Amino acid sequence: MIFAQVPEARSLFERVGGDDTSSAKFIGHAMRVLASLDIAVSLLDQPEALQSHLEHLHHQHEDRHVSACYYKAMERALLHVLPAQLGRCFDKEPWKACFHRIVDSIHG
């Protein structure tokens, strides 16, 4: 869904097989990204651990010059998929706030 919104984002994922989103290499990367997001959400009530995790992610993304539009595309993708996965437990505004807290730290 991200690549459908911003096809040029695919170039950021050349190293992990972004040209074939069904490849094991790309799926593995996508799973690591989602696992890292899961860790960040899980650490929201542990500020010091969260900050350490987000600093690590910031350093990983710093040299890649990830544009804000890509984070926005990821937000739209997540907010589209999460309701289907979480059902009536999904509450859009808290998810958006958490995502923005995470992205603001990563993007700087």
PDB file of N, CA and C in Angstrom:
ATOM      1  N   MET A   1       0.821  -1.193   0.000  1.00  0.00           N
ATOM      2  CA  MET A   1       0.000   0.000   0.000  1.00  0.00           C
ATOM      3  C   MET A   1       0.868   1.261   0.000  1.00  0.00           C
ATOM      4  N   ILE A   2       2.016   1.197   0.630  1.00  0.00           N
ATOM      5  CA  ILE A   2       2.924   2.354   0.647  1.00  0.00           C
ATOM      6  C   ILE A   2       3.439   2.627  -0.762  1.00  0.00           C
ATOM      7  N   PHE A   3       3.862   1.591  -1.460  1.00  0.00           N
ATOM      8  CA  PHE A   3       4.397   1.776  -2.805  1.00  0.00           C
ATOM      9  C   PHE A   3       3.319   2.235  -3.783  1.00  0.00           C
ATOM     10  N   ALA A   4       2.075   1.874  -3.539  1.00  0.00           N
ATOM     11  CA  ALA A   4       0.981   2.348  -4.398  1.00  0.00           C
ATOM     12  C   ALA A   4       0.790   3.852  -4.222  1.00  0.00           C
ATOM     13  N   GLN A   5       1.023   4.345  -3.005  1.00  0.00           N
ATOM     14  CA  GLN A   5       0.862   5.768  -2.721  1.00  0.00           C
ATOM     15  C   GLN A   5       2.054   6.581  -3.214  1.00  0.00           C
ATOM     16  N   VAL A   6       3.250   6.066  -2.958  1.00  0.00           N
ATOM     17  CA  VAL A   6       4.477   6.779  -3.337  1.00  0.00           C
ATOM     18  C   VAL A   6       5.450   5.768  -3.967  1.00  0.00           C
ATOM     19  N   PRO A   7       5.275   5.494  -5.252  1.00  0.00           N
ATOM     20  CA  PRO A   7       6.095   4.480  -5.923  1.00  0.00           C
ATOM     21  C   PRO A   7       7.598   4.719  -5.793  1.00  0.00           C
ATOM     22  N   GLU A   8       8.009   5.978  -5.701  1.00  0.00           N
ATOM     23  CA  GLU A   8       9.439   6.273  -5.587  1.00  0.00           C
ATOM     24  C   GLU A   8      10.026   5.787  -4.263  1.00  0.00           C
ATOM     25  N   ALA A   9       9.188   5.467  -3.293  1.00  0.00           N
ATOM     26  CA  ALA A   9       9.671   4.927  -2.013  1.00  0.00           C
ATOM     27  C   ALA A   9      10.344   3.571  -2.208  1.00  0.00           C
ATOM     28  N   ARG A  10       9.973   2.889  -3.262  1.00  0.00           N
ATOM     29  CA  ARG A  10      10.545   1.564  -3.539  1.00  0.00           C
ATOM     30  C   ARG A  10      12.074   1.610  -3.590  1.00  0.00           C
ATOM     31  N   SER A  11      12.625   2.734  -4.043  1.00  0.00           N
ATOM     32  CA  SER A  11      14.086   2.848  -4.158  1.00  0.00           C
ATOM     33  C   SER A  11      14.772   2.773  -2.799  1.00  0.00           C
ATOM     34  N   LEU A  12      14.072   3.127  -1.739  1.00  0.00           N
ATOM     35  CA  LEU A  12      14.657   3.034  -0.393  1.00  0.00           C
ATOM     36  C   LEU A  12      14.846   1.582   0.036  1.00  0.00           C
ATOM     37  N   PHE A  13      14.184   0.684  -0.660  1.00  0.00           N
ATOM     38  CA  PHE A  13      14.189  -0.720  -0.253  1.00  0.00           C
ATOM     39  C   PHE A  13      14.921  -1.625  -1.239  1.00  0.00           C
ATOM     40  N   GLU A  14      15.766  -1.047  -2.071  1.00  0.00           N
ATOM     41  CA  GLU A  14      16.515  -1.852  -3.048  1.00  0.00           C
ATOM     42  C   GLU A  14      17.351  -2.923  -2.356  1.00  0.00           C
ATOM     43  N   ARG A  15      17.967  -2.543  -1.242  1.00  0.00           N
ATOM     44  CA  ARG A  15      18.861  -3.450  -0.517  1.00  0.00           C
ATOM     45  C   ARG A  15      18.128  -4.677   0.033  1.00  0.00           C
ATOM     46  N   VAL A  16      16.810  -4.528   0.260  1.00  0.00           N
ATOM     47  CA  VAL A  16      16.036  -5.624   0.844  1.00  0.00           C
ATOM     48  C   VAL A  16      14.966  -6.148  -0.118  1.00  0.00           C
ATOM     49  N   GLY A  17      15.220  -6.004  -1.410  1.00  0.00           N
ATOM     50  CA  GLY A  17      14.335  -6.590  -2.407  1.00  0.00           C
ATOM     51  C   GLY A  17      13.029  -5.853  -2.633  1.00  0.00           C
ATOM     52  N   GLY A  18      13.033  -4.543  -2.528  1.00  0.00           N
ATOM     53  CA  GLY A  18      11.821  -3.750  -2.699  1.00  0.00           C
ATOM     54  C   GLY A  18      11.171  -3.870  -4.059  1.00  0.00           C
ATOM     55  N   ASP A  19      11.899  -4.396  -5.022  1.00  0.00           N
ATOM     56  CA  ASP A  19      11.323  -4.560  -6.358  1.00  0.00           C
ATOM     57  C   ASP A  19      10.413  -5.789  -6.434  1.00  0.00           C
ATOM     58  N   ASP A  20      10.473  -6.653  -5.420  1.00  0.00           N
ATOM     59  CA  ASP A  20       9.613  -7.845  -5.381  1.00  0.00           C
ATOM     60  C   ASP A  20       9.078  -8.018  -3.963  1.00  0.00           C
ATOM     61  N   THR A  21       7.926  -7.434  -3.709  1.00  0.00           N
ATOM     62  CA  THR A  21       7.376  -7.443  -2.346  1.00  0.00           C
ATOM     63  C   THR A  21       6.921  -8.826  -1.889  1.00  0.00           C
ATOM     64  N   SER A  22       6.939  -9.802  -2.768  1.00  0.00           N
ATOM     65  CA  SER A  22       6.595 -11.164  -2.351  1.00  0.00           C
ATOM     66  C   SER A  22       7.841 -12.016  -2.098  1.00  0.00           C
ATOM     67  N   SER A  23       9.022 -11.407  -2.249  1.00  0.00           N
ATOM     68  CA  SER A  23      10.257 -12.169  -2.005  1.00  0.00           C
ATOM     69  C   SER A  23      10.483 -12.361  -0.507  1.00  0.00           C
ATOM     70  N   ALA A  24      11.165 -13.428  -0.181  1.00  0.00           N
ATOM     71  CA  ALA A  24      11.474 -13.710   1.221  1.00  0.00           C
ATOM     72  C   ALA A  24      12.298 -12.580   1.835  1.00  0.00           C
ATOM     73  N   LYS A  25      13.187 -12.015   1.053  1.00  0.00           N
ATOM     74  CA  LYS A  25      14.046 -10.935   1.539  1.00  0.00           C
ATOM     75  C   LYS A  25      13.211  -9.710   1.941  1.00  0.00           C
ATOM     76  N   PHE A  26      12.266  -9.340   1.087  1.00  0.00           N
ATOM     77  CA  PHE A  26      11.443  -8.176   1.397  1.00  0.00           C
ATOM     78  C   PHE A  26      10.464  -8.478   2.532  1.00  0.00           C
ATOM     79  N   ILE A  27       9.854  -9.640   2.514  1.00  0.00           N
ATOM     80  CA  ILE A  27       8.918 -10.011   3.580  1.00  0.00           C
ATOM     81  C   ILE A  27       9.633 -10.021   4.923  1.00  0.00           C
ATOM     82  N   GLY A  28      10.858 -10.532   4.939  1.00  0.00           N
ATOM     83  CA  GLY A  28      11.644 -10.517   6.183  1.00  0.00           C
ATOM     84  C   GLY A  28      11.878  -9.101   6.668  1.00  0.00           C
ATOM     85  N   HIS A  29      12.198  -8.207   5.749  1.00  0.00           N
ATOM     86  CA  HIS A  29      12.406  -6.808   6.138  1.00  0.00           C
ATOM     87  C   HIS A  29      11.111  -6.201   6.665  1.00  0.00           C
ATOM     88  N   ALA A  30      10.016  -6.429   5.966  1.00  0.00           N
ATOM     89  CA  ALA A  30       8.720  -5.896   6.401  1.00  0.00           C
ATOM     90  C   ALA A  30       8.369  -6.405   7.795  1.00  0.00           C
ATOM     91  N   MET A  31       8.660  -7.655   8.058  1.00  0.00           N
ATOM     92  CA  MET A  31       8.391  -8.218   9.391  1.00  0.00           C
ATOM     93  C   MET A  31       9.249  -7.542  10.456  1.00  0.00           C
ATOM     94  N   ARG A  32      10.499  -7.223  10.123  1.00  0.00           N
ATOM     95  CA  ARG A  32      11.366  -6.521  11.080  1.00  0.00           C
ATOM     96  C   ARG A  32      10.851  -5.107  11.343  1.00  0.00           C
ATOM     97  N   VAL A  33      10.376  -4.441  10.297  1.00  0.00           N
ATOM     98  CA  VAL A  33       9.822  -3.093  10.464  1.00  0.00           C
ATOM     99  C   VAL A  33       8.604  -3.140  11.387  1.00  0.00           C
ATOM    100  N   LEU A  34       7.702  -4.069  11.122  1.00  0.00           N
ATOM    101  CA  LEU A  34       6.495  -4.167  11.942  1.00  0.00           C
ATOM    102  C   LEU A  34       6.815  -4.618  13.367  1.00  0.00           C
ATOM    103  N   ALA A  35       7.804  -5.484  13.516  1.00  0.00           N
ATOM    104  CA  ALA A  35       8.216  -5.901  14.862  1.00  0.00           C
ATOM    105  C   ALA A  35       8.787  -4.716  15.639  1.00  0.00           C
ATOM    106  N   SER A  36       9.541  -3.877  14.953  1.00  0.00           N
ATOM    107  CA  SER A  36      10.111  -2.694  15.605  1.00  0.00           C
ATOM    108  C   SER A  36       9.016  -1.717  16.012  1.00  0.00           C
ATOM    109  N   LEU A  37       8.003  -1.573  15.166  1.00  0.00           N
ATOM    110  CA  LEU A  37       6.861  -0.737  15.515  1.00  0.00           C
ATOM    111  C   LEU A  37       6.128  -1.326  16.720  1.00  0.00           C
ATOM    112  N   ASP A  38       5.977  -2.635  16.730  1.00  0.00           N
ATOM    113  CA  ASP A  38       5.339  -3.315  17.851  1.00  0.00           C
ATOM    114  C   ASP A  38       6.116  -3.084  19.148  1.00  0.00           C
ATOM    115  N   ILE A  39       7.432  -3.157  19.067  1.00  0.00           N
ATOM    116  CA  ILE A  39       8.271  -2.902  20.240  1.00  0.00           C
ATOM    117  C   ILE A  39       8.042  -1.480  20.736  1.00  0.00           C
ATOM    118  N   ALA A  40       8.048  -0.512  19.817  1.00  0.00           N
ATOM    119  CA  ALA A  40       7.859   0.885  20.201  1.00  0.00           C
ATOM    120  C   ALA A  40       6.509   1.084  20.880  1.00  0.00           C
ATOM    121  N   VAL A  41       5.462   0.515  20.325  1.00  0.00           N
ATOM    122  CA  VAL A  41       4.129   0.646  20.930  1.00  0.00           C
ATOM    123  C   VAL A  41       4.127  -0.004  22.317  1.00  0.00           C
ATOM    124  N   SER A  42       4.768  -1.151  22.429  1.00  0.00           N
ATOM    125  CA  SER A  42       4.830  -1.849  23.722  1.00  0.00           C
ATOM    126  C   SER A  42       5.606  -1.071  24.773  1.00  0.00           C
ATOM    127  N   LEU A  43       6.521  -0.224  24.337  1.00  0.00           N
ATOM    128  CA  LEU A  43       7.352   0.542  25.274  1.00  0.00           C
ATOM    129  C   LEU A  43       6.797   1.931  25.595  1.00  0.00           C
ATOM    130  N   LEU A  44       5.627   2.266  25.090  1.00  0.00           N
ATOM    131  CA  LEU A  44       5.084   3.605  25.318  1.00  0.00           C
ATOM    132  C   LEU A  44       4.944   3.946  26.803  1.00  0.00           C
ATOM    133  N   ASP A  45       4.776   2.945  27.652  1.00  0.00           N
ATOM    134  CA  ASP A  45       4.654   3.205  29.088  1.00  0.00           C
ATOM    135  C   ASP A  45       5.987   3.040  29.825  1.00  0.00           C
ATOM    136  N   GLN A  46       7.090   2.915  29.053  1.00  0.00           N
ATOM    137  CA  GLN A  46       8.435   2.807  29.625  1.00  0.00           C
ATOM    138  C   GLN A  46       9.328   3.826  28.910  1.00  0.00           C
ATOM    139  N   PRO A  47       9.244   5.090  29.305  1.00  0.00           N
ATOM    140  CA  PRO A  47       9.876   6.180  28.557  1.00  0.00           C
ATOM    141  C   PRO A  47      11.364   6.005  28.274  1.00  0.00           C
ATOM    142  N   GLU A  48      12.130   5.524  29.232  1.00  0.00           N
ATOM    143  CA  GLU A  48      13.573   5.390  29.010  1.00  0.00           C
ATOM    144  C   GLU A  48      13.879   4.312  27.970  1.00  0.00           C
ATOM    145  N   ALA A  49      13.224   3.187  28.080  1.00  0.00           N
ATOM    146  CA  ALA A  49      13.437   2.108  27.113  1.00  0.00           C
ATOM    147  C   ALA A  49      12.937   2.530  25.730  1.00  0.00           C
ATOM    148  N   LEU A  50      11.785   3.213  25.698  1.00  0.00           N
ATOM    149  CA  LEU A  50      11.257   3.703  24.429  1.00  0.00           C
ATOM    150  C   LEU A  50      12.239   4.671  23.778  1.00  0.00           C
ATOM    151  N   GLN A  51      12.763   5.599  24.558  1.00  0.00           N
ATOM    152  CA  GLN A  51      13.695   6.579  24.007  1.00  0.00           C
ATOM    153  C   GLN A  51      14.933   5.901  23.423  1.00  0.00           C
ATOM    154  N   SER A  52      15.437   4.897  24.107  1.00  0.00           N
ATOM    155  CA  SER A  52      16.598   4.153  23.611  1.00  0.00           C
ATOM    156  C   SER A  52      16.265   3.470  22.284  1.00  0.00           C
ATOM    157  N   HIS A  53      15.117   2.849  22.212  1.00  0.00           N
ATOM    158  CA  HIS A  53      14.697   2.169  20.981  1.00  0.00           C
ATOM    159  C   HIS A  53      14.534   3.170  19.840  1.00  0.00           C
ATOM    160  N   LEU A  54      13.905   4.307  20.119  1.00  0.00           N
ATOM    161  CA  LEU A  54      13.676   5.307  19.087  1.00  0.00           C
ATOM    162  C   LEU A  54      14.973   5.973  18.630  1.00  0.00           C
ATOM    163  N   GLU A  55      15.915   6.152  19.540  1.00  0.00           N
ATOM    164  CA  GLU A  55      17.220   6.690  19.149  1.00  0.00           C
ATOM    165  C   GLU A  55      17.926   5.726  18.190  1.00  0.00           C
ATOM    166  N   HIS A  56      17.827   4.443  18.494  1.00  0.00           N
ATOM    167  CA  HIS A  56      18.407   3.422  17.616  1.00  0.00           C
ATOM    168  C   HIS A  56      17.770   3.505  16.222  1.00  0.00           C
ATOM    169  N   LEU A  57      16.457   3.606  16.176  1.00  0.00           N
ATOM    170  CA  LEU A  57      15.760   3.706  14.891  1.00  0.00           C
ATOM    171  C   LEU A  57      16.103   5.007  14.171  1.00  0.00           C
ATOM    172  N   HIS A  58      16.246   6.076  14.926  1.00  0.00           N
ATOM    173  CA  HIS A  58      16.617   7.358  14.327  1.00  0.00           C
ATOM    174  C   HIS A  58      17.963   7.241  13.615  1.00  0.00           C
ATOM    175  N   HIS A  59      18.929   6.627  14.279  1.00  0.00           N
ATOM    176  CA  HIS A  59      20.256   6.466  13.673  1.00  0.00           C
ATOM    177  C   HIS A  59      20.197   5.582  12.426  1.00  0.00           C
ATOM    178  N   GLN A  60      19.348   4.570  12.440  1.00  0.00           N
ATOM    179  CA  GLN A  60      19.207   3.707  11.269  1.00  0.00           C
ATOM    180  C   GLN A  60      18.625   4.469  10.081  1.00  0.00           C
ATOM    181  N   HIS A  61      17.721   5.406  10.346  1.00  0.00           N
ATOM    182  CA  HIS A  61      17.026   6.119   9.271  1.00  0.00           C
ATOM    183  C   HIS A  61      17.712   7.422   8.871  1.00  0.00           C
ATOM    184  N   GLU A  62      18.565   7.923   9.721  1.00  0.00           N
ATOM    185  CA  GLU A  62      19.226   9.213   9.511  1.00  0.00           C
ATOM    186  C   GLU A  62      19.970   9.273   8.174  1.00  0.00           C
ATOM    187  N   ASP A  63      20.790   8.291   7.906  1.00  0.00           N
ATOM    188  CA  ASP A  63      21.609   8.285   6.690  1.00  0.00           C
ATOM    189  C   ASP A  63      20.804   7.962   5.432  1.00  0.00           C
ATOM    190  N   ARG A  64      19.607   7.444   5.618  1.00  0.00           N
ATOM    191  CA  ARG A  64      18.791   7.060   4.459  1.00  0.00           C
ATOM    192  C   ARG A  64      17.940   8.223   3.947  1.00  0.00           C
ATOM    193  N   HIS A  65      17.904   9.305   4.697  1.00  0.00           N
ATOM    194  CA  HIS A  65      17.159  10.510   4.305  1.00  0.00           C
ATOM    195  C   HIS A  65      15.717  10.180   3.914  1.00  0.00           C
ATOM    196  N   VAL A  66      15.024   9.529   4.836  1.00  0.00           N
ATOM    197  CA  VAL A  66      13.638   9.136   4.598  1.00  0.00           C
ATOM    198  C   VAL A  66      12.752  10.373   4.685  1.00  0.00           C
ATOM    199  N   SER A  67      12.070  10.666   3.602  1.00  0.00           N
ATOM    200  CA  SER A  67      11.210  11.845   3.513  1.00  0.00           C
ATOM    201  C   SER A  67       9.961  11.682   4.376  1.00  0.00           C
ATOM    202  N   ALA A  68       9.456  12.800   4.872  1.00  0.00           N
ATOM    203  CA  ALA A  68       8.241  12.798   5.691  1.00  0.00           C
ATOM    204  C   ALA A  68       7.055  12.202   4.939  1.00  0.00           C
ATOM    205  N   CYS A  69       7.029  12.344   3.614  1.00  0.00           N
ATOM    206  CA  CYS A  69       5.894  11.808   2.848  1.00  0.00           C
ATOM    207  C   CYS A  69       5.826  10.283   2.947  1.00  0.00           C
ATOM    208  N   TYR A  70       6.969   9.626   3.156  1.00  0.00           N
ATOM    209  CA  TYR A  70       6.963   8.171   3.287  1.00  0.00           C
ATOM    210  C   TYR A  70       6.376   7.740   4.625  1.00  0.00           C
ATOM    211  N   TYR A  71       6.677   8.495   5.672  1.00  0.00           N
ATOM    212  CA  TYR A  71       6.075   8.201   6.974  1.00  0.00           C
ATOM    213  C   TYR A  71       4.568   8.419   6.914  1.00  0.00           C
ATOM    214  N   LYS A  72       4.144   9.451   6.195  1.00  0.00           N
ATOM    215  CA  LYS A  72       2.715   9.735   6.030  1.00  0.00           C
ATOM    216  C   LYS A  72       2.047   8.584   5.281  1.00  0.00           C
ATOM    217  N   ALA A  73       2.714   8.063   4.263  1.00  0.00           N
ATOM    218  CA  ALA A  73       2.167   6.924   3.516  1.00  0.00           C
ATOM    219  C   ALA A  73       2.052   5.698   4.417  1.00  0.00           C
ATOM    220  N   MET A  74       3.032   5.489   5.281  1.00  0.00           N
ATOM    221  CA  MET A  74       2.965   4.361   6.202  1.00  0.00           C
ATOM    222  C   MET A  74       1.811   4.550   7.186  1.00  0.00           C
ATOM    223  N   GLU A  75       1.630   5.776   7.647  1.00  0.00           N
ATOM    224  CA  GLU A  75       0.515   6.049   8.556  1.00  0.00           C
ATOM    225  C   GLU A  75      -0.818   5.716   7.877  1.00  0.00           C
ATOM    226  N   ARG A  76      -0.997   6.183   6.646  1.00  0.00           N
ATOM    227  CA  ARG A  76      -2.241   5.897   5.926  1.00  0.00           C
ATOM    228  C   ARG A  76      -2.430   4.388   5.744  1.00  0.00           C
ATOM    229  N   ALA A  77      -1.350   3.690   5.430  1.00  0.00           N
ATOM    230  CA  ALA A  77      -1.434   2.235   5.248  1.00  0.00           C
ATOM    231  C   ALA A  77      -1.832   1.546   6.554  1.00  0.00           C
ATOM    232  N   LEU A  78      -1.187   1.923   7.639  1.00  0.00           N
ATOM    233  CA  LEU A  78      -1.514   1.312   8.929  1.00  0.00           C
ATOM    234  C   LEU A  78      -2.944   1.604   9.353  1.00  0.00           C
ATOM    235  N   LEU A  79      -3.365   2.854   9.183  1.00  0.00           N
ATOM    236  CA  LEU A  79      -4.719   3.216   9.596  1.00  0.00           C
ATOM    237  C   LEU A  79      -5.781   2.574   8.708  1.00  0.00           C
ATOM    238  N   HIS A  80      -5.362   2.082   7.564  1.00  0.00           N
ATOM    239  CA  HIS A  80      -6.273   1.344   6.696  1.00  0.00           C
ATOM    240  C   HIS A  80      -6.352  -0.131   7.116  1.00  0.00           C
ATOM    241  N   VAL A  81      -5.211  -0.695   7.507  1.00  0.00           N
ATOM    242  CA  VAL A  81      -5.123  -2.117   7.808  1.00  0.00           C
ATOM    243  C   VAL A  81      -5.508  -2.443   9.257  1.00  0.00           C
ATOM    244  N   LEU A  82      -5.108  -1.599  10.189  1.00  0.00           N
ATOM    245  CA  LEU A  82      -5.345  -1.900  11.602  1.00  0.00           C
ATOM    246  C   LEU A  82      -6.810  -2.125  11.970  1.00  0.00           C
ATOM    247  N   PRO A  83      -7.743  -1.325  11.469  1.00  0.00           N
ATOM    248  CA  PRO A  83      -9.147  -1.585  11.845  1.00  0.00           C
ATOM    249  C   PRO A  83      -9.611  -2.996  11.468  1.00  0.00           C
ATOM    250  N   ALA A  84      -9.159  -3.481  10.333  1.00  0.00           N
ATOM    251  CA  ALA A  84      -9.549  -4.829   9.909  1.00  0.00           C
ATOM    252  C   ALA A  84      -8.930  -5.882  10.821  1.00  0.00           C
ATOM    253  N   GLN A  85      -7.727  -5.600  11.322  1.00  0.00           N
ATOM    254  CA  GLN A  85      -7.042  -6.569  12.179  1.00  0.00           C
ATOM    255  C   GLN A  85      -7.518  -6.515  13.631  1.00  0.00           C
ATOM    256  N   LEU A  86      -7.817  -5.308  14.107  1.00  0.00           N
ATOM    257  CA  LEU A  86      -8.178  -5.137  15.517  1.00  0.00           C
ATOM    258  C   LEU A  86      -9.683  -5.103  15.759  1.00  0.00           C
ATOM    259  N   GLY A  87     -10.452  -4.935  14.697  1.00  0.00           N
ATOM    260  CA  GLY A  87     -11.902  -4.899  14.852  1.00  0.00           C
ATOM    261  C   GLY A  87     -12.355  -3.728  15.700  1.00  0.00           C
ATOM    262  N   ARG A  88     -13.333  -3.967  16.522  1.00  0.00           N
ATOM    263  CA  ARG A  88     -13.892  -2.865  17.312  1.00  0.00           C
ATOM    264  C   ARG A  88     -12.958  -2.376  18.407  1.00  0.00           C
ATOM    265  N   CYS A  89     -11.843  -3.055  18.604  1.00  0.00           N
ATOM    266  CA  CYS A  89     -10.845  -2.597  19.577  1.00  0.00           C
ATOM    267  C   CYS A  89     -10.010  -1.438  19.027  1.00  0.00           C
ATOM    268  N   PHE A  90     -10.102  -1.202  17.728  1.00  0.00           N
ATOM    269  CA  PHE A  90      -9.315  -0.137  17.107  1.00  0.00           C
ATOM    270  C   PHE A  90      -9.887   1.224  17.473  1.00  0.00           C
ATOM    271  N   ASP A  91      -8.997   2.117  17.910  1.00  0.00           N
ATOM    272  CA  ASP A  91      -9.366   3.501  18.214  1.00  0.00           C
ATOM    273  C   ASP A  91      -8.370   4.389  17.469  1.00  0.00           C
ATOM    274  N   LYS A  92      -8.839   5.015  16.415  1.00  0.00           N
ATOM    275  CA  LYS A  92      -7.978   5.723  15.469  1.00  0.00           C
ATOM    276  C   LYS A  92      -7.116   6.810  16.107  1.00  0.00           C
ATOM    277  N   GLU A  93      -7.694   7.660  16.905  1.00  0.00           N
ATOM    278  CA  GLU A  93      -6.935   8.803  17.427  1.00  0.00           C
ATOM    279  C   GLU A  93      -5.762   8.388  18.319  1.00  0.00           C
ATOM    280  N   PRO A  94      -5.927   7.459  19.257  1.00  0.00           N
ATOM    281  CA  PRO A  94      -4.751   7.014  20.026  1.00  0.00           C
ATOM    282  C   PRO A  94      -3.677   6.365  19.157  1.00  0.00           C
ATOM    283  N   TRP A  95      -4.093   5.597  18.148  1.00  0.00           N
ATOM    284  CA  TRP A  95      -3.109   4.987  17.252  1.00  0.00           C
ATOM    285  C   TRP A  95      -2.342   6.061  16.494  1.00  0.00           C
ATOM    286  N   LYS A  96      -3.057   7.076  16.013  1.00  0.00           N
ATOM    287  CA  LYS A  96      -2.393   8.173  15.308  1.00  0.00           C
ATOM    288  C   LYS A  96      -1.406   8.880  16.235  1.00  0.00           C
ATOM    289  N   ALA A  97      -1.821   9.154  17.470  1.00  0.00           N
ATOM    290  CA  ALA A  97      -0.947   9.841  18.426  1.00  0.00           C
ATOM    291  C   ALA A  97       0.306   9.012  18.707  1.00  0.00           C
ATOM    292  N   CYS A  98       0.142   7.717  18.891  1.00  0.00           N
ATOM    293  CA  CYS A  98       1.292   6.838  19.138  1.00  0.00           C
ATOM    294  C   CYS A  98       2.216   6.808  17.923  1.00  0.00           C
ATOM    295  N   PHE A  99       1.631   6.679  16.750  1.00  0.00           N
ATOM    296  CA  PHE A  99       2.430   6.640  15.530  1.00  0.00           C
ATOM    297  C   PHE A  99       3.212   7.938  15.373  1.00  0.00           C
ATOM    298  N   HIS A 100       2.575   9.069  15.624  1.00  0.00           N
ATOM    299  CA  HIS A 100       3.257  10.360  15.492  1.00  0.00           C
ATOM    300  C   HIS A 100       4.377  10.497  16.515  1.00  0.00           C
ATOM    301  N   ARG A 101       4.152  10.009  17.732  1.00  0.00           N
ATOM    302  CA  ARG A 101       5.204  10.046  18.766  1.00  0.00           C
ATOM    303  C   ARG A 101       6.424   9.261  18.292  1.00  0.00           C
ATOM    304  N   ILE A 102       6.174   8.102  17.719  1.00  0.00           N
ATOM    305  CA  ILE A 102       7.253   7.243  17.242  1.00  0.00           C
ATOM    306  C   ILE A 102       7.966   7.882  16.053  1.00  0.00           C
ATOM    307  N   VAL A 103       7.203   8.317  15.059  1.00  0.00           N
ATOM    308  CA  VAL A 103       7.779   8.880  13.847  1.00  0.00           C
ATOM    309  C   VAL A 103       8.522  10.184  14.127  1.00  0.00           C
ATOM    310  N   ASP A 104       7.982  11.018  14.994  1.00  0.00           N
ATOM    311  CA  ASP A 104       8.655  12.268  15.328  1.00  0.00           C
ATOM    312  C   ASP A 104      10.060  12.017  15.880  1.00  0.00           C
ATOM    313  N   SER A 105      10.203  10.956  16.652  1.00  0.00           N
ATOM    314  CA  SER A 105      11.517  10.613  17.206  1.00  0.00           C
ATOM    315  C   SER A 105      12.439  10.001  16.159  1.00  0.00           C
ATOM    316  N   ILE A 106      11.883   9.189  15.287  1.00  0.00           N
ATOM    317  CA  ILE A 106      12.700   8.541  14.261  1.00  0.00           C
ATOM    318  C   ILE A 106      13.136   9.548  13.222  1.00  0.00           C
ATOM    319  N   HIS A 107      12.197  10.344  12.759  1.00  0.00           N
ATOM    320  CA  HIS A 107      12.485  11.291  11.670  1.00  0.00           C
ATOM    321  C   HIS A 107      13.294  12.469  12.169  1.00  0.00           C
ATOM    322  N   GLY A 108      13.072  12.853  13.402  1.00  0.00           N
ATOM    323  CA  GLY A 108      13.820  13.985  13.966  1.00  0.00           C
ATOM    324  C   GLY A 108      13.227  15.228  13.494  1.00  0.00           C
TER     325      GLY A 108
END
